Protein backbone atom coordinates (compact mmCIF):
# COMPACT_ATOMS: atom_id res chain seq x y z
CA MET A 1 150.15 131.11 58.22
CA ARG A 2 150.95 132.86 61.44
CA SER A 3 151.77 136.02 59.51
CA SER A 4 148.42 135.90 57.69
CA LEU A 5 146.67 135.70 61.05
CA PHE A 6 148.64 138.71 62.26
CA LEU A 7 147.76 140.74 59.17
CA GLY A 8 144.10 139.90 59.60
CA LEU A 9 144.17 140.99 63.22
CA LEU A 10 146.06 144.17 62.33
CA ALA A 11 143.50 145.05 59.68
CA ALA A 12 140.69 144.57 62.16
CA ALA A 13 142.49 146.77 64.68
CA LEU A 14 142.91 149.54 62.14
CA LEU A 15 139.25 149.46 61.15
CA ALA A 16 138.12 149.51 64.75
CA GLY A 17 139.98 152.69 65.21
CA CYS A 18 140.05 151.73 67.78
CA ALA A 19 137.61 140.66 93.29
CA THR A 20 134.03 140.53 94.26
CA SER A 21 132.76 142.21 97.43
CA ARG A 22 129.43 142.52 99.16
CA SER A 23 126.86 145.13 98.17
CA GLN A 24 127.55 148.79 98.88
CA THR A 25 126.44 149.88 102.34
CA GLY A 26 124.10 152.82 102.81
CA PRO A 27 120.64 153.57 101.38
CA ALA A 28 119.48 151.41 98.52
CA PRO A 29 120.21 153.27 95.27
CA ALA A 30 117.31 154.24 93.05
CA ARG A 31 117.13 152.80 89.57
CA ALA A 32 117.62 155.34 86.82
CA ALA A 33 115.82 155.67 83.51
CA SER A 34 113.56 152.98 82.09
CA THR A 35 113.94 149.36 83.09
CA GLU A 36 112.54 148.31 79.71
CA TRP A 37 115.98 147.23 78.64
CA LEU A 38 117.03 146.44 75.08
CA SER A 39 120.07 144.40 76.10
CA PRO A 40 119.17 140.91 77.36
CA LEU A 41 121.86 139.89 79.86
CA LEU A 42 121.41 140.31 83.65
CA ARG A 43 118.48 142.70 83.48
CA GLU A 44 117.61 141.90 87.10
CA HIS A 45 121.13 142.52 88.40
CA PRO A 46 120.99 144.75 91.53
CA LEU A 47 123.09 147.47 89.87
CA ALA A 48 121.31 147.58 86.51
CA GLY A 49 119.93 151.07 86.00
CA ARG A 50 121.85 152.70 88.85
CA ILE A 51 124.26 155.63 88.69
CA TRP A 52 127.41 155.94 90.80
CA ASP A 53 129.20 159.21 91.54
CA VAL A 54 132.84 158.12 91.72
CA SER A 55 134.40 161.12 93.47
CA GLN A 56 131.64 161.40 96.06
CA SER A 57 131.23 157.63 96.56
CA ARG A 58 127.48 157.91 96.44
CA TRP A 59 124.49 156.90 94.36
CA LEU A 60 122.82 159.51 92.18
CA GLU A 61 119.29 159.93 90.95
CA GLU A 62 119.08 160.34 87.19
CA ALA A 63 117.79 163.90 87.60
CA SER A 64 120.88 164.80 89.64
CA LEU A 65 123.21 163.43 86.97
CA ARG A 66 121.39 165.41 84.29
CA GLU A 67 121.78 168.56 86.36
CA GLU A 68 125.50 167.91 86.83
CA LEU A 69 126.05 167.34 83.13
CA THR A 70 124.07 170.42 82.16
CA ARG A 71 126.58 172.53 84.11
CA ALA A 72 129.65 170.90 82.50
CA ARG A 73 131.34 172.56 79.53
CA PHE A 74 132.42 169.23 78.05
CA VAL A 75 130.49 165.98 78.50
CA LEU A 76 131.99 162.63 77.49
CA LEU A 77 129.59 159.71 77.18
CA GLY A 78 131.61 156.48 77.12
CA GLU A 79 129.87 153.47 75.63
CA LYS A 80 130.28 149.83 74.81
CA HIS A 81 129.90 150.18 71.06
CA ASP A 82 127.43 147.34 70.48
CA ASN A 83 125.17 147.88 73.50
CA ALA A 84 121.84 149.35 72.38
CA ASP A 85 120.99 150.59 75.89
CA HIS A 86 124.15 152.68 75.98
CA HIS A 87 123.08 154.49 72.83
CA ARG A 88 119.53 154.90 74.10
CA LEU A 89 120.81 156.51 77.29
CA GLN A 90 123.28 158.69 75.39
CA ALA A 91 120.41 160.01 73.27
CA SER A 92 118.36 160.72 76.40
CA LEU A 93 121.24 162.69 77.92
CA VAL A 94 121.71 164.72 74.74
CA ARG A 95 118.06 165.72 75.00
CA ALA A 96 118.33 166.44 78.72
CA ILE A 97 121.41 168.66 78.38
CA THR A 98 119.74 170.67 75.60
CA GLU A 99 116.25 170.76 77.11
CA HIS A 100 116.41 174.43 78.10
CA GLY A 101 117.96 175.89 75.00
CA ARG A 102 121.65 175.08 75.37
CA ARG A 103 123.20 174.13 72.03
CA PRO A 104 126.53 172.32 72.46
CA ALA A 105 128.23 170.68 69.52
CA LEU A 106 127.72 166.92 69.28
CA ALA A 107 130.98 165.13 68.44
CA PHE A 108 131.51 161.50 67.47
CA GLU A 109 134.49 159.20 67.74
CA MET A 110 132.86 157.20 64.94
CA LEU A 111 133.53 159.97 62.41
CA GLY A 112 137.07 160.83 61.31
CA VAL A 113 137.88 164.49 60.72
CA GLU A 114 138.33 163.74 57.02
CA GLN A 115 134.57 163.01 56.90
CA GLN A 116 133.48 166.42 58.20
CA ALA A 117 132.96 167.85 54.71
CA ALA A 118 130.70 164.93 53.78
CA VAL A 119 128.68 165.40 56.98
CA ASP A 120 128.27 169.12 56.34
CA ALA A 121 127.24 168.54 52.72
CA ALA A 122 124.67 165.93 53.75
CA LEU A 123 123.08 168.22 56.30
CA ALA A 124 123.08 171.15 53.88
CA SER A 125 121.12 169.12 51.33
CA GLU A 126 118.99 167.11 53.80
CA PRO A 127 118.81 169.15 57.01
CA GLY A 128 117.52 167.24 60.00
CA ASP A 129 117.85 163.84 58.35
CA PRO A 130 120.27 161.56 60.27
CA ASP A 131 120.12 158.93 57.53
CA ALA A 132 121.69 161.41 55.12
CA ILE A 133 124.77 161.40 57.35
CA ALA A 134 124.94 157.61 57.30
CA GLN A 135 124.81 157.58 53.53
CA ALA A 136 127.35 160.40 53.17
CA VAL A 137 129.98 158.64 55.27
CA ASP A 138 129.12 155.14 53.97
CA TRP A 139 128.40 153.92 57.48
CA ALA A 140 127.23 150.54 56.17
CA HIS A 141 130.78 149.73 55.07
CA SER A 142 132.52 151.14 58.12
CA SER A 143 133.79 149.03 61.01
CA TRP A 144 131.18 150.41 63.41
CA PRO A 145 128.11 148.49 64.61
CA ASP A 146 124.82 148.80 62.77
CA TRP A 147 123.63 152.33 62.03
CA ALA A 148 120.33 151.59 63.81
CA LEU A 149 122.18 151.61 67.13
CA TYR A 150 123.64 155.08 66.60
CA ARG A 151 120.76 156.69 64.75
CA PRO A 152 118.87 157.75 67.92
CA ILE A 153 121.85 159.85 69.06
CA PHE A 154 122.23 161.61 65.72
CA ALA A 155 118.46 162.13 65.60
CA ALA A 156 118.45 163.69 69.09
CA GLY A 157 121.23 166.08 68.09
CA LEU A 158 119.56 167.14 64.86
CA GLU A 159 116.20 167.60 66.57
CA ARG A 160 117.91 170.14 68.84
CA GLY A 161 119.80 171.80 66.00
CA LEU A 162 123.24 170.79 67.29
CA PRO A 163 126.36 170.99 65.11
CA ILE A 164 127.60 167.50 64.23
CA VAL A 165 131.37 167.17 64.62
CA ALA A 166 133.62 164.47 63.18
CA ALA A 167 136.18 164.10 65.94
CA ASN A 168 138.49 161.15 65.36
CA LEU A 169 141.94 160.91 63.82
CA PRO A 170 141.90 160.33 60.04
CA LYS A 171 142.11 156.64 59.19
CA ALA A 172 145.26 157.10 57.13
CA GLN A 173 147.08 158.67 60.06
CA ALA A 174 145.84 156.00 62.48
CA ARG A 175 147.08 153.34 60.08
CA ALA A 176 150.48 155.02 59.78
CA LEU A 177 150.78 155.23 63.56
CA VAL A 178 150.05 151.54 64.02
CA MET A 179 152.50 150.55 61.31
CA LYS A 180 155.36 152.92 62.13
CA GLY A 181 154.66 154.75 65.38
CA ALA A 182 154.65 158.52 66.00
CA SER A 183 157.53 159.03 63.56
CA ALA A 184 155.05 158.47 60.73
CA LEU A 185 153.26 161.75 61.52
CA PRO A 186 154.41 165.28 60.67
CA ALA A 187 156.50 166.74 63.49
CA GLU A 188 154.12 169.66 63.97
CA LEU A 189 151.17 167.30 64.42
CA VAL A 190 153.12 165.23 66.95
CA THR A 191 153.76 168.42 68.94
CA GLN A 192 150.18 169.65 68.58
CA LEU A 193 148.80 166.37 69.91
CA GLY A 194 151.32 166.22 72.75
CA LEU A 195 152.80 162.94 71.49
CA ASP A 196 156.34 164.28 71.94
CA THR A 197 155.92 163.90 75.72
CA PRO A 198 156.43 160.25 76.71
CA LEU A 199 153.75 158.46 78.65
CA PRO A 200 154.67 157.44 82.20
CA GLU A 201 156.02 153.90 81.88
CA GLU A 202 153.44 152.41 84.23
CA ILE A 203 150.59 153.76 82.09
CA ALA A 204 152.34 152.71 78.87
CA ARG A 205 152.90 149.18 80.20
CA THR A 206 149.28 148.87 81.30
CA MET A 207 148.06 150.05 77.91
CA ARG A 208 150.36 147.61 76.09
CA GLU A 209 148.95 144.75 78.15
CA GLU A 210 145.40 145.89 77.43
CA MET A 211 146.10 146.07 73.72
CA PHE A 212 147.65 142.60 73.76
CA HIS A 213 144.63 141.02 75.45
CA ALA A 214 142.16 143.05 73.40
CA HIS A 215 143.65 141.49 70.27
CA CYS A 216 143.39 137.94 71.64
CA GLY A 217 147.09 137.68 72.49
CA ALA A 218 147.74 136.91 68.83
CA MET A 219 149.68 140.00 67.76
CA PRO A 220 153.44 140.31 68.31
CA ALA A 221 154.37 142.17 71.47
CA GLU A 222 156.54 144.65 69.56
CA HIS A 223 153.45 146.00 67.80
CA MET A 224 151.71 146.95 71.03
CA GLN A 225 153.56 150.24 71.60
CA PRO A 226 152.62 151.66 68.17
CA MET A 227 149.02 150.71 68.92
CA VAL A 228 149.28 152.53 72.24
CA GLU A 229 150.54 155.59 70.35
CA ALA A 230 147.59 155.35 67.97
CA GLN A 231 145.15 155.18 70.90
CA ARG A 232 146.83 158.15 72.52
CA ALA A 233 146.74 160.10 69.25
CA ARG A 234 143.03 159.44 68.87
CA ASP A 235 142.43 160.75 72.39
CA ALA A 236 144.46 163.87 71.66
CA GLN A 237 142.77 164.45 68.30
CA MET A 238 139.33 164.23 69.86
CA ALA A 239 140.35 166.68 72.58
CA GLU A 240 141.57 169.08 69.87
CA ARG A 241 138.26 168.80 68.05
CA LEU A 242 136.25 169.37 71.22
CA HIS A 243 138.23 172.50 71.98
CA ALA A 244 138.00 173.81 68.41
CA SER A 245 134.26 173.06 68.17
CA ASP A 246 133.33 174.82 71.40
CA GLN A 247 131.59 178.07 70.51
CA GLY A 248 130.77 178.88 74.11
CA GLU A 249 128.05 176.24 74.48
CA GLY A 250 130.37 173.33 75.09
CA VAL A 251 130.57 169.91 73.40
CA ILE A 252 129.14 166.44 74.00
CA LEU A 253 131.38 163.58 72.85
CA ILE A 254 130.02 160.14 71.94
CA THR A 255 132.87 157.68 72.32
CA GLY A 256 134.03 154.35 73.64
CA SER A 257 134.52 154.23 77.39
CA GLY A 258 138.29 153.77 76.98
CA HIS A 259 138.56 157.21 75.40
CA ALA A 260 136.43 158.75 78.17
CA ARG A 261 138.85 157.75 80.96
CA THR A 262 139.84 160.61 83.23
CA ASP A 263 143.29 159.16 83.94
CA ARG A 264 144.65 158.94 80.39
CA GLY A 265 141.89 159.49 77.84
CA VAL A 266 140.38 162.53 76.15
CA PRO A 267 139.86 164.42 79.45
CA VAL A 268 143.64 164.47 80.09
CA HIS A 269 144.38 165.98 76.69
CA LEU A 270 141.44 168.34 77.02
CA ALA A 271 142.79 169.64 80.34
CA ARG A 272 146.13 170.29 78.62
CA ARG A 273 144.46 172.01 75.67
CA ALA A 274 141.73 173.89 77.57
CA PRO A 275 142.76 174.18 81.23
CA GLY A 276 140.12 175.32 83.66
CA LEU A 277 137.11 174.35 81.55
CA GLY A 278 134.91 171.76 83.24
CA ALA A 279 134.59 168.27 81.82
CA ARG A 280 132.55 165.32 83.06
CA SER A 281 132.92 161.72 82.00
CA VAL A 282 130.15 159.12 82.15
CA ALA A 283 130.92 155.45 81.52
CA PHE A 284 128.05 153.13 80.69
CA VAL A 285 129.14 149.85 82.27
CA GLU A 286 127.67 146.40 81.70
CA VAL A 287 126.91 144.59 84.94
CA VAL A 288 128.68 141.35 85.78
CA ASP A 289 127.22 138.45 87.70
CA GLY A 290 128.65 138.38 91.24
CA LYS A 291 129.82 142.01 91.16
CA ALA A 292 127.35 143.91 93.31
CA ALA A 293 129.34 147.03 94.32
CA PRO A 294 130.81 149.77 92.09
CA GLN A 295 134.34 149.14 93.40
CA ASP A 296 134.12 145.57 92.08
CA TYR A 297 134.45 147.01 88.58
CA ALA A 298 137.66 148.99 89.12
CA ALA A 299 139.92 146.08 88.18
CA SER A 300 138.27 145.95 84.75
CA PHE A 301 139.94 149.27 83.99
CA GLY A 302 143.39 148.37 85.33
CA PRO A 303 145.16 149.32 88.55
CA GLY A 304 143.95 152.32 90.49
CA PRO A 305 140.52 153.81 91.20
CA LEU A 306 137.62 153.94 88.76
CA PRO A 307 138.74 156.33 85.98
CA PHE A 308 135.44 158.13 85.35
CA ASP A 309 133.30 160.75 87.05
CA TYR A 310 130.16 158.63 86.90
CA LEU A 311 129.20 155.02 86.17
CA TRP A 312 125.80 154.16 84.76
CA PHE A 313 125.22 150.41 85.04
CA THR A 314 123.26 148.55 82.36
CA PRO A 315 122.50 144.99 81.32
CA GLY A 316 124.95 143.36 78.93
CA ALA A 317 124.63 142.89 75.19
CA LEU A 318 124.63 139.41 73.72
CA ARG A 319 127.80 138.99 71.64
CA GLU A 320 130.06 136.28 70.34
CA ASP A 321 133.44 135.66 71.89
CA PRO A 322 135.61 138.02 69.81
CA CYS A 323 138.58 135.67 70.05
CA ALA A 324 136.76 132.44 69.20
CA LYS A 325 137.31 132.73 65.45
CA HIS A 326 140.97 133.56 65.94
CA ARG A 327 141.48 130.55 68.21
CA GLU A 328 139.77 128.30 65.67
CA ARG A 329 141.92 129.66 62.87
CA MET A 330 145.09 129.12 64.90
CA ARG A 331 143.98 125.55 65.71
CA HIS A 332 143.30 124.87 62.04
CA ASP A 333 146.60 126.38 60.90
CA SER A 334 148.55 124.27 63.41
CA GLN A 335 147.16 120.97 62.09
CA PRO A 336 149.33 118.98 59.62
CA PRO A 337 148.10 118.93 56.03
CA SER A 338 145.86 116.09 54.99
CA SER A 339 147.62 113.17 53.32
CA LYS A 340 145.15 112.55 50.52
């Protein structure tokens, strides 16, 4: 029974591909964007709608962030996948960056590189129709949240005539990595993605712990390192795609916030692949009750400083406890059989 639980968790992982302080001193930060939130939790939180510049330790107006991102060659917009406000704000930034004629490619973690041909064919037959992309890649049967959440971003890109780029590692390769580690990949691909250089042990240990907790503590510890390798390979693959898709106008990447981290995510691999080209990472962060200063959120991302260039705080989405079903299944499996 325990093994069946593990296999269920492993399948889900493959499909996903995937201390409080007082308020900040200084001038009160201005709220950014619309306060007509879609997400219901903590809409009146003091940080909801505010933007924090991590390196400068200052609040930014939305217009200033848009200006900063317009100057960046690569822009990474890190989301919580099921938060509708994150996607709304991503779409608004796509429009802002392209407002004056710039045409970067628009890349998605949610699309594996093996789906690029289907995306291209859909747009050739139904140009400008985002729903054609959803049908071509069978989004409805993917592991990603409802298409309605992502549609505004695709629509914004197509309205501006942006190339749509499938950026993620093919599912078959991600599956092989999780099952067998980097040895499952061709040696040339391991070298291309930089996987032949070991991670610093402190980073690897932190990532293993994150993977363990992210999967409800129900997967064997020995499977965490292959999952770390798969995460790292996804980061490297997306960096490769960003570099290859840049035709001089840059690239915007829509991705989970974990991949947008400046300490170990796509930006690290991008700097290795395309040194000297500017990249900026924005993390959309759900506010937490009792956390009223940006630094209060650092611990959520592990030891060290906040690993993004900017934080954009939003209300939280309403979601079920992802581990509740697993706990219930474990409780049920541990009970003795009925003596009927």
